[in-house]
C-alpha atoms as a PDB file:
ATOM      1  CA  UNK A   1       0.000   0.000   0.000  1.00  0.00           C
ATOM      2  CA  UNK A   2       1.198   3.508  -0.875  1.00  0.00           C
ATOM      3  CA  UNK A   3       1.008   6.474   1.467  1.00  0.00           C
ATOM      4  CA  UNK A   4      -0.152   9.659  -0.253  1.00  0.00           C
ATOM      5  CA  UNK A   5      -0.022  13.146   1.229  1.00  0.00           C
ATOM      6  CA  UNK A   6      -2.410  15.793  -0.077  1.00  0.00           C
ATOM      7  CA  UNK A   7      -3.108  19.322   1.092  1.00  0.00           C
ATOM      8  CA  UNK A   8      -2.521  22.955   0.319  1.00  0.00           C
ATOM      9  CA  UNK A   9       0.747  24.774  -0.016  1.00  0.00           C
ATOM     10  CA  UNK A  10       2.754  25.083   3.175  1.00  0.00           C
ATOM     11  CA  UNK A  11       1.001  22.300   5.074  1.00  0.00           C
ATOM     12  CA  UNK A  12       4.148  20.199   5.404  1.00  0.00           C
ATOM     13  CA  UNK A  13       3.641  17.600   2.671  1.00  0.00           C
ATOM     14  CA  UNK A  14       7.319  17.567   1.665  1.00  0.00           C
ATOM     15  CA  UNK A  15       8.691  17.458   5.207  1.00  0.00           C
ATOM     16  CA  UNK A  16       6.212  14.873   6.484  1.00  0.00           C
ATOM     17  CA  UNK A  17       6.416  12.628   3.414  1.00  0.00           C
ATOM     18  CA  UNK A  18      10.227  12.499   3.577  1.00  0.00           C
ATOM     19  CA  UNK A  19      10.140  11.626   7.302  1.00  0.00           C
ATOM     20  CA  UNK A  20       7.463   8.963   6.802  1.00  0.00           C
ATOM     21  CA  UNK A  21       9.369   7.448   3.872  1.00  0.00           C
ATOM     22  CA  UNK A  22      12.543   7.307   5.938  1.00  0.00           C
ATOM     23  CA  UNK A  23      10.798   5.766   8.933  1.00  0.00           C
ATOM     24  CA  UNK A  24       9.085   3.051   6.871  1.00  0.00           C
ATOM     25  CA  UNK A  25      12.119   2.561   4.593  1.00  0.00           C
ATOM     26  CA  UNK A  26      10.220   3.527   1.461  1.00  0.00           C
ATOM     27  CA  UNK A  27      11.002   5.622  -1.566  1.00  0.00           C
ATOM     28  CA  UNK A  28       9.425   9.072  -1.529  1.00  0.00           C
ATOM     29  CA  UNK A  29       8.275  10.460  -4.863  1.00  0.00           C
ATOM     30  CA  UNK A  30       7.585  14.188  -5.144  1.00  0.00           C
ATOM     31  CA  UNK A  31       4.962  14.708  -7.840  1.00  0.00           C
ATOM     32  CA  UNK A  32       6.106  18.255  -8.654  1.00  0.00           C
ATOM     33  CA  UNK A  33       9.702  17.035  -9.145  1.00  0.00           C
ATOM     34  CA  UNK A  34       8.513  14.323 -11.516  1.00  0.00           C
ATOM     35  CA  UNK A  35       6.450  16.866 -13.453  1.00  0.00           C
ATOM     36  CA  UNK A  36       9.639  18.901 -13.922  1.00  0.00           C
ATOM     37  CA  UNK A  37      11.574  15.760 -14.893  1.00  0.00           C
ATOM     38  CA  UNK A  38       8.891  14.595 -17.341  1.00  0.00           C
ATOM     39  CA  UNK A  39       9.113  17.951 -19.099  1.00  0.00           C
ATOM     40  CA  UNK A  40      12.894  17.910 -19.595  1.00  0.00           C
ATOM     41  CA  UNK A  41      13.691  20.110 -16.636  1.00  0.00           C
ATOM     42  CA  UNK A  42      11.201  22.862 -17.385  1.00  0.00           C
ATOM     43  CA  UNK A  43      10.137  24.365 -14.048  1.00  0.00           C
ATOM     44  CA  UNK A  44       6.468  24.493 -13.112  1.00  0.00           C
ATOM     45  CA  UNK A  45       6.330  28.311 -13.385  1.00  0.00           C
ATOM     46  CA  UNK A  46       7.946  28.098 -16.849  1.00  0.00           C
ATOM     47  CA  UNK A  47       5.543  25.357 -17.911  1.00  0.00           C
ATOM     48  CA  UNK A  48       2.507  27.293 -16.692  1.00  0.00           C
ATOM     49  CA  UNK A  49       3.719  30.505 -18.360  1.00  0.00           C
ATOM     50  CA  UNK A  50       4.472  28.785 -21.663  1.00  0.00           C
ATOM     51  CA  UNK A  51       1.649  26.244 -21.911  1.00  0.00           C
ATOM     52  CA  UNK A  52      -0.939  27.239 -19.296  1.00  0.00           C
ATOM     53  CA  UNK A  53      -2.612  25.652 -16.299  1.00  0.00           C
ATOM     54  CA  UNK A  54      -4.663  23.180 -18.393  1.00  0.00           C
ATOM     55  CA  UNK A  55      -1.464  21.649 -19.738  1.00  0.00           C
ATOM     56  CA  UNK A  56       0.087  21.536 -16.268  1.00  0.00           C
ATOM     57  CA  UNK A  57      -2.965  19.780 -14.782  1.00  0.00           C
ATOM     58  CA  UNK A  58      -2.849  17.184 -17.586  1.00  0.00           C
ATOM     59  CA  UNK A  59       0.851  16.496 -16.958  1.00  0.00           C
ATOM     60  CA  UNK A  60       0.113  16.327 -13.218  1.00  0.00           C
ATOM     61  CA  UNK A  61      -2.523  13.664 -13.908  1.00  0.00           C
ATOM     62  CA  UNK A  62      -0.063  11.650 -16.022  1.00  0.00           C
ATOM     63  CA  UNK A  63       2.491  11.724 -13.192  1.00  0.00           C
ATOM     64  CA  UNK A  64      -0.068  10.838 -10.500  1.00  0.00           C
ATOM     65  CA  UNK A  65      -1.403   8.001 -12.640  1.00  0.00           C
ATOM     66  CA  UNK A  66       2.137   6.680 -13.169  1.00  0.00           C
ATOM     67  CA  UNK A  67       2.957   6.861  -9.444  1.00  0.00           C
ATOM     68  CA  UNK A  68      -0.258   5.065  -8.530  1.00  0.00           C
ATOM     69  CA  UNK A  69       1.046   2.035 -10.409  1.00  0.00           C
ATOM     70  CA  UNK A  70       3.818   1.525  -7.858  1.00  0.00           C
ATOM     71  CA  UNK A  71       3.482  -0.218  -4.507  1.00  0.00           C
ATOM     72  CA  UNK A  72       4.829   0.620  -1.045  1.00  0.00           C
ATOM     73  CA  UNK A  73       5.966   4.151  -1.867  1.00  0.00           C
ATOM     74  CA  UNK A  74       5.249   7.533  -0.307  1.00  0.00           C
ATOM     75  CA  UNK A  75       3.805  10.166  -2.629  1.00  0.00           C
ATOM     76  CA  UNK A  76       4.177  13.871  -1.929  1.00  0.00           C
ATOM     77  CA  UNK A  77       1.463  15.196  -4.205  1.00  0.00           C
ATOM     78  CA  UNK A  78       1.185  18.803  -5.242  1.00  0.00           C
ATOM     79  CA  UNK A  79      -1.403  21.079  -3.659  1.00  0.00           C
ATOM     80  CA  UNK A  80      -3.597  20.840  -6.737  1.00  0.00           C
ATOM     81  CA  UNK A  81      -3.608  17.054  -6.888  1.00  0.00           C
ATOM     82  CA  UNK A  82      -7.357  17.013  -6.249  1.00  0.00           C
ATOM     83  CA  UNK A  83      -8.159  19.605  -8.921  1.00  0.00           C
ATOM     84  CA  UNK A  84      -8.654  19.914 -12.613  1.00  0.00           C
ATOM     85  CA  UNK A  85      -9.885  22.803 -14.725  1.00  0.00           C
ATOM     86  CA  UNK A  86     -13.141  23.004 -16.610  1.00  0.00           C
ATOM     87  CA  UNK A  87     -13.415  24.492 -20.102  1.00  0.00           C
ATOM     88  CA  UNK A  88     -13.690  28.004 -18.649  1.00  0.00           C
ATOM     89  CA  UNK A  89     -10.478  27.514 -16.654  1.00  0.00           C
ATOM     90  CA  UNK A  90     -12.220  27.244 -13.271  1.00  0.00           C
ATOM     91  CA  UNK A  91     -10.939  24.746 -10.719  1.00  0.00           C
ATOM     92  CA  UNK A  92     -13.100  21.669 -10.274  1.00  0.00           C
ATOM     93  CA  UNK A  93     -12.773  18.425  -8.324  1.00  0.00           C
ATOM     94  CA  UNK A  94     -10.597  15.961 -10.248  1.00  0.00           C
ATOM     95  CA  UNK A  95     -12.257  12.582 -10.235  1.00  0.00           C
ATOM     96  CA  UNK A  96      -9.506  11.148 -12.453  1.00  0.00           C
ATOM     97  CA  UNK A  97      -6.618  12.264 -10.224  1.00  0.00           C
ATOM     98  CA  UNK A  98      -8.315  11.303  -6.963  1.00  0.00           C
ATOM     99  CA  UNK A  99      -9.228   7.876  -8.350  1.00  0.00           C
ATOM    100  CA  UNK A 100      -5.578   7.359  -9.308  1.00  0.00           C
ATOM    101  CA  UNK A 101      -4.328   8.649  -5.928  1.00  0.00           C
ATOM    102  CA  UNK A 102      -6.638   6.338  -3.977  1.00  0.00           C
ATOM    103  CA  UNK A 103      -5.683   3.241  -5.959  1.00  0.00           C
ATOM    104  CA  UNK A 104      -3.723   1.001  -3.595  1.00  0.00           C
ATOM    105  CA  UNK A 105      -3.100   3.963  -1.278  1.00  0.00           C
ATOM    106  CA  UNK A 106      -3.864   5.443   2.099  1.00  0.00           C
ATOM    107  CA  UNK A 107      -4.472   9.156   1.475  1.00  0.00           C
ATOM    108  CA  UNK A 108      -3.650  11.680   4.199  1.00  0.00           C
ATOM    109  CA  UNK A 109      -4.810  15.288   4.101  1.00  0.00           C
ATOM    110  CA  UNK A 110      -2.368  17.611   5.832  1.00  0.00           C
ATOM    111  CA  UNK A 111      -3.796  20.946   6.835  1.00  0.00           C
ATOM    112  CA  UNK A 112      -2.660  23.926   8.880  1.00  0.00           C
ATOM    113  CA  UNK A 113      -3.992  27.423   9.577  1.00  0.00           C
ATOM    114  CA  UNK A 114      -3.586  29.675   6.530  1.00  0.00           C
ATOM    115  CA  UNK A 115      -1.368  32.203   8.328  1.00  0.00           C
ATOM    116  CA  UNK A 116       1.078  29.433   9.274  1.00  0.00           C
ATOM    117  CA  UNK A 117       1.080  28.032   5.736  1.00  0.00           C
ATOM    118  CA  UNK A 118       1.866  31.498   4.344  1.00  0.00           C
ATOM    119  CA  UNK A 119       4.758  31.883   6.798  1.00  0.00           C
ATOM    120  CA  UNK A 120       6.126  28.494   5.806  1.00  0.00           C
ATOM    121  CA  UNK A 121       6.170  29.127   2.064  1.00  0.00           C
ATOM    122  CA  UNK A 122       7.134  32.813   2.092  1.00  0.00           C
ATOM    123  CA  UNK A 123       7.858  34.162  -1.377  1.00  0.00           C
ATOM    124  CA  UNK A 124       8.848  30.881  -3.035  1.00  0.00           C
ATOM    125  CA  UNK A 125       9.406  31.565  -6.762  1.00  0.00           C
ATOM    126  CA  UNK A 126       8.673  27.905  -7.557  1.00  0.00           C
ATOM    127  CA  UNK A 127       5.064  28.322  -6.444  1.00  0.00           C
ATOM    128  CA  UNK A 128       3.390  30.385  -9.145  1.00  0.00           C
ATOM    129  CA  UNK A 129       0.353  32.430  -8.226  1.00  0.00           C
ATOM    130  CA  UNK A 130      -2.886  30.694  -9.016  1.00  0.00           C
ATOM    131  CA  UNK A 131      -5.029  33.826  -8.804  1.00  0.00           C
ATOM    132  CA  UNK A 132      -2.746  36.871  -8.993  1.00  0.00           C
ATOM    133  CA  UNK A 133      -3.862  37.965  -5.510  1.00  0.00           C
ATOM    134  CA  UNK A 134      -1.741  38.472  -2.395  1.00  0.00           C
ATOM    135  CA  UNK A 135      -0.419  35.196  -0.931  1.00  0.00           C
ATOM    136  CA  UNK A 136      -2.775  35.373   2.069  1.00  0.00           C
ATOM    137  CA  UNK A 137      -5.867  36.192  -0.036  1.00  0.00           C
ATOM    138  CA  UNK A 138      -4.943  33.525  -2.561  1.00  0.00           C
ATOM    139  CA  UNK A 139      -4.391  30.909   0.126  1.00  0.00           C
ATOM    140  CA  UNK A 140      -7.728  31.690   1.792  1.00  0.00           C
ATOM    141  CA  UNK A 141      -9.572  31.458  -1.511  1.00  0.00           C
ATOM    142  CA  UNK A 142      -7.887  28.225  -2.588  1.00  0.00           C
ATOM    143  CA  UNK A 143      -8.226  26.418   0.733  1.00  0.00           C
ATOM    144  CA  UNK A 144     -11.895  27.403   0.974  1.00  0.00           C
ATOM    145  CA  UNK A 145     -12.462  25.984  -2.507  1.00  0.00           C
ATOM    146  CA  UNK A 146     -10.351  22.829  -2.157  1.00  0.00           C
ATOM    147  CA  UNK A 147     -11.054  21.766   1.444  1.00  0.00           C
ATOM    148  CA  UNK A 148     -14.172  19.739   0.552  1.00  0.00           C
ATOM    149  CA  UNK A 149     -12.180  18.042  -2.202  1.00  0.00           C
ATOM    150  CA  UNK A 150      -9.280  17.190   0.101  1.00  0.00           C
ATOM    151  CA  UNK A 151     -11.776  15.834   2.613  1.00  0.00           C
ATOM    152  CA  UNK A 152     -13.481  13.732  -0.058  1.00  0.00           C
ATOM    153  CA  UNK A 153     -10.146  12.252  -1.176  1.00  0.00           C
ATOM    154  CA  UNK A 154      -8.617  11.595   2.250  1.00  0.00           C
ATOM    155  CA  UNK A 155      -8.732   8.551   4.490  1.00  0.00           C
ATOM    156  CA  UNK A 156      -7.595  10.702   7.421  1.00  0.00           C
ATOM    157  CA  UNK A 157      -6.526  14.248   8.257  1.00  0.00           C
ATOM    158  CA  UNK A 158      -3.790  15.809  10.385  1.00  0.00           C
ATOM    159  CA  UNK A 159      -3.327  19.449  11.377  1.00  0.00           C
ATOM    160  CA  UNK A 160       0.442  19.912  11.143  1.00  0.00           C
ATOM    161  CA  UNK A 161       0.355  22.976  13.366  1.00  0.00           C
ATOM    162  CA  UNK A 162      -0.549  20.764  16.350  1.00  0.00           C
ATOM    163  CA  UNK A 163       0.465  17.238  15.261  1.00  0.00           C
ATOM    164  CA  UNK A 164       4.124  16.244  15.196  1.00  0.00           C
ATOM    165  CA  UNK A 165       5.691  14.102  12.512  1.00  0.00           C
ATOM    166  CA  UNK A 166       6.269  11.422  15.162  1.00  0.00           C
ATOM    167  CA  UNK A 167       2.550  11.412  16.023  1.00  0.00           C
ATOM    168  CA  UNK A 168       1.688  10.998  12.342  1.00  0.00           C
ATOM    169  CA  UNK A 169       4.159   8.098  12.040  1.00  0.00           C
ATOM    170  CA  UNK A 170       2.767   6.414  15.164  1.00  0.00           C
ATOM    171  CA  UNK A 171      -0.757   6.696  13.750  1.00  0.00           C
ATOM    172  CA  UNK A 172       0.395   5.105  10.488  1.00  0.00           C
ATOM    173  CA  UNK A 173       2.188   2.109  12.043  1.00  0.00           C
ATOM    174  CA  UNK A 174      -0.926  -0.088  12.468  1.00  0.00           C
ATOM    175  CA  UNK A 175      -2.241   0.973   9.055  1.00  0.00           C
ATOM    176  CA  UNK A 176       1.014   0.164   7.284  1.00  0.00           C
ATOM    177  CA  UNK A 177       1.427  -3.090   9.198  1.00  0.00           C
ATOM    178  CA  UNK A 178      -1.820  -4.533   7.779  1.00  0.00           C
END
């Protein structure tokens, strides 16, 4: 069984997934890194600027679908792993990506208060704006929109502002041991 981490930007997906992979002696795959690799090193901001968000979401699906074919790995999904875009470019729930993520996987939604998430990510140039608004406004808008989708996709949820990595690992031990 795979362990998949979903959640918004700055919730700790990268940190927690690496620690969980190390503890359980598993390979950790970072979806955003594979997206960059699949596109010959083109960064996500470059890809979005050149080809648009629709293209990025399609590549993201291809990567998620590929990762879901593995077994006993940890997947650090991107914040938009539960989203797609409709024809008008509006974010919608991604049935195809969530179905792939849930295949042979235990999906964990990491969340944290928006102010903490904004502090964690700062002004990271590798995280292109999704709305063109201030980071705090953007984060509030996106989390409000995506929270029901994360909840729908997840088997369980942890608030990383109050739950330690060790507590997450201890919770996973009986699940992984099955």
